[in-house]
Amino acid sequence: MSAPLAPIIVSALFGAKDQAFLDAERRAHFPPERNQLAAHLTLFHHIPPGALDELHRRLGDETRGVPAPAARLAGVFSLGRGVAYRIDSPELAAIRTRLADAFHGLLTPQDQAAWRAHVTVQNKVEPAVARALLVQMQARFLARPVAVAGLAAYWYRGGPWELIRRYPFAA
């Protein structure tokens, strides 16, 4: 018996070195009882499951034979009750815009809003704890390139995400 359909999450995939760095940051600062996921850069939080075939086609079109978009770890910012790294990638933002246009009318308000590309390394902590980490991370922050290796689609069933498929950029 197959699992019931669920919302689809779309994220960018990092290269191995950058994924390891971001995962280590998340393990160090995210409340362990809430840390169910690897570090991630979400493009969409809720694509309807009925759009899977179209999503598959479009993610393939955006990545197949296409060089990886340039991206930078560009800053650290407050989430109020957490801290995140800002990711700057005009090319990835353009991909997201094309996908948002393609799925117009199917997106939730959160996914219709302006996209703020980021990787959360801490969340759901007391504001004072978040402010202290923000100061610490800003003091040691150095902007640098990050590798975006592809895109991925996942089922969201309330717990850890279930991979549907990875869509790698050209090597």
Protein backbone atom coordinates (compact mmCIF):
# COMPACT_ATOMS: atom_id res chain seq x y z
CA MET A 1 0.00 0.00 0.00
CA SER A 2 1.45 3.38 -0.96
CA ALA A 3 1.79 6.25 1.46
CA PRO A 4 -0.83 9.01 1.21
CA LEU A 5 0.04 12.09 -0.78
CA ALA A 6 1.40 15.07 1.11
CA PRO A 7 2.59 18.61 0.38
CA ILE A 8 5.84 18.86 -1.55
CA ILE A 9 8.81 20.91 -0.37
CA VAL A 10 11.39 22.12 -2.89
CA SER A 11 14.89 23.00 -1.77
CA ALA A 12 18.33 23.68 -3.17
CA LEU A 13 21.07 21.13 -2.58
CA PHE A 14 24.52 22.24 -1.46
CA GLY A 15 27.84 20.75 -2.46
CA ALA A 16 29.26 18.24 0.05
CA LYS A 17 31.76 20.62 1.68
CA ASP A 18 29.20 23.38 2.19
CA GLN A 19 26.53 20.92 3.35
CA ALA A 20 28.95 19.57 5.97
CA PHE A 21 29.73 23.10 7.21
CA LEU A 22 26.06 24.13 7.40
CA ASP A 23 25.04 20.85 9.06
CA ALA A 24 27.75 21.36 11.70
CA GLU A 25 26.49 24.89 12.37
CA ARG A 26 22.93 23.60 12.70
CA ARG A 27 23.95 20.75 15.03
CA ALA A 28 25.90 23.20 17.20
CA HIS A 29 23.09 25.75 17.57
CA PHE A 30 19.68 24.26 16.80
CA PRO A 31 17.79 22.84 19.79
CA PRO A 32 18.56 19.10 19.45
CA GLU A 33 15.01 17.99 20.24
CA ARG A 34 13.75 20.05 17.28
CA ASN A 35 16.56 19.35 14.81
CA GLN A 36 15.02 16.75 12.50
CA LEU A 37 16.52 17.98 9.23
CA ALA A 38 19.86 18.60 7.60
CA ALA A 39 20.68 22.22 6.83
CA HIS A 40 18.59 23.33 3.85
CA LEU A 41 17.66 26.22 1.59
CA THR A 42 13.91 26.03 0.98
CA LEU A 43 12.54 27.40 -2.28
CA PHE A 44 8.92 26.34 -1.66
CA HIS A 45 7.27 25.10 1.52
CA HIS A 46 4.06 23.65 0.08
CA ILE A 47 3.51 22.60 -3.53
CA PRO A 48 0.25 20.62 -3.85
CA PRO A 49 0.86 16.89 -4.42
CA GLY A 50 -1.26 16.93 -7.56
CA ALA A 51 1.37 19.13 -9.21
CA LEU A 52 4.12 16.50 -8.86
CA ASP A 53 4.33 15.58 -12.56
CA GLU A 54 4.53 19.22 -13.63
CA LEU A 55 7.02 19.98 -10.85
CA HIS A 56 9.18 17.05 -11.94
CA ARG A 57 9.21 18.32 -15.52
CA ARG A 58 10.02 21.89 -14.54
CA LEU A 59 12.76 20.99 -12.03
CA GLY A 60 14.33 18.78 -14.68
CA ASP A 61 14.17 21.61 -17.22
CA GLU A 62 15.79 24.03 -14.75
CA THR A 63 18.71 21.71 -13.94
CA ARG A 64 19.37 19.21 -16.74
CA GLY A 65 22.54 20.27 -18.55
CA VAL A 66 22.48 23.65 -16.75
CA PRO A 67 25.57 24.89 -14.89
CA ALA A 68 25.10 25.39 -11.16
CA PRO A 69 24.11 28.92 -10.19
CA ALA A 70 26.69 31.04 -8.45
CA ALA A 71 25.86 31.58 -4.78
CA ARG A 72 27.41 33.24 -1.75
CA LEU A 73 27.11 32.93 1.97
CA ALA A 74 26.40 36.63 2.27
CA GLY A 75 25.62 37.45 5.89
CA VAL A 76 24.08 36.48 9.20
CA PHE A 77 20.70 37.76 10.32
CA SER A 78 18.20 37.44 13.14
CA LEU A 79 15.01 35.43 12.92
CA GLY A 80 13.90 36.86 16.28
CA ARG A 81 14.04 33.50 18.02
CA GLY A 82 16.90 32.18 15.91
CA VAL A 83 19.71 32.98 13.50
CA ALA A 84 20.25 32.24 9.81
CA TYR A 85 22.83 32.65 7.07
CA ARG A 86 21.69 34.76 4.13
CA ILE A 87 22.36 33.22 0.74
CA ASP A 88 22.82 35.54 -2.23
CA SER A 89 22.22 33.97 -5.65
CA PRO A 90 20.50 36.00 -8.36
CA GLU A 91 20.53 32.94 -10.66
CA LEU A 92 18.83 30.72 -8.05
CA ALA A 93 16.36 33.53 -7.33
CA ALA A 94 15.54 33.64 -11.06
CA ILE A 95 14.88 29.88 -11.06
CA ARG A 96 12.59 30.29 -8.07
CA THR A 97 10.75 33.16 -9.79
CA ARG A 98 10.17 31.06 -12.92
CA LEU A 99 8.84 28.19 -10.80
CA ALA A 100 6.62 30.54 -8.78
CA ASP A 101 5.19 31.94 -12.01
CA ALA A 102 4.56 28.42 -13.31
CA PHE A 103 2.70 27.41 -10.15
CA HIS A 104 0.85 30.69 -9.67
CA GLY A 105 -2.53 30.04 -8.12
CA LEU A 106 -1.31 26.86 -6.41
CA LEU A 107 1.09 28.50 -3.95
CA THR A 108 0.39 29.22 -0.29
CA PRO A 109 0.69 32.83 0.93
CA GLN A 110 4.10 31.94 2.42
CA ASP A 111 5.36 30.77 -0.98
CA GLN A 112 3.78 33.72 -2.79
CA ALA A 113 5.65 36.20 -0.58
CA ALA A 114 9.04 37.63 -1.45
CA TRP A 115 11.73 34.98 -1.12
CA ARG A 116 14.43 35.47 1.49
CA ALA A 117 17.08 32.85 0.67
CA HIS A 118 18.57 31.58 3.92
CA VAL A 119 19.76 28.60 5.90
CA THR A 120 18.44 28.48 9.47
CA VAL A 121 21.08 27.41 11.98
CA GLN A 122 19.08 28.20 15.12
CA ASN A 123 15.35 28.55 15.74
CA LYS A 124 12.73 28.43 18.50
CA VAL A 125 15.04 29.62 21.27
CA GLU A 126 14.63 32.51 23.69
CA PRO A 127 15.30 35.88 22.00
CA ALA A 128 18.26 36.61 24.31
CA VAL A 129 19.90 33.31 23.32
CA ALA A 130 19.37 34.13 19.65
CA ARG A 131 20.79 37.65 20.07
CA ALA A 132 23.92 36.25 21.75
CA LEU A 133 24.49 33.78 18.91
CA LEU A 134 23.88 36.50 16.32
CA VAL A 135 26.63 38.64 17.86
CA GLN A 136 28.99 35.65 18.00
CA MET A 137 28.33 34.61 14.40
CA GLN A 138 28.59 38.16 13.05
CA ALA A 139 31.99 38.57 14.74
CA ARG A 140 33.42 35.52 12.95
CA PHE A 141 31.51 35.75 9.67
CA LEU A 142 33.35 35.81 6.35
CA ALA A 143 31.38 35.99 3.12
CA ARG A 144 32.31 33.22 0.71
CA PRO A 145 31.00 31.25 -2.25
CA VAL A 146 28.82 28.22 -1.61
CA ALA A 147 28.20 25.44 -4.10
CA VAL A 148 24.62 24.78 -5.16
CA ALA A 149 24.67 21.24 -6.54
CA GLY A 150 21.03 20.88 -7.52
CA LEU A 151 17.41 21.06 -6.48
CA ALA A 152 15.31 18.46 -4.66
CA ALA A 153 11.67 17.67 -4.00
CA TYR A 154 10.45 16.10 -0.74
CA TRP A 155 7.19 14.88 0.73
CA TYR A 156 6.29 16.64 3.96
CA ARG A 157 4.34 14.37 6.30
CA GLY A 158 4.94 16.23 9.57
CA GLY A 159 8.36 14.83 10.46
CA PRO A 160 11.65 14.52 8.61
CA TRP A 161 11.25 15.17 4.91
CA GLU A 162 11.01 12.17 2.55
CA LEU A 163 13.07 12.56 -0.61
CA ILE A 164 11.09 12.28 -3.83
CA ARG A 165 13.93 13.10 -6.22
CA ARG A 166 17.14 15.07 -6.66
CA TYR A 167 17.71 17.22 -9.74
CA PRO A 168 21.46 17.88 -10.12
CA PHE A 169 22.93 20.77 -12.05
CA ALA A 170 25.51 19.94 -14.72
CA ALA A 171 28.94 19.18 -13.31
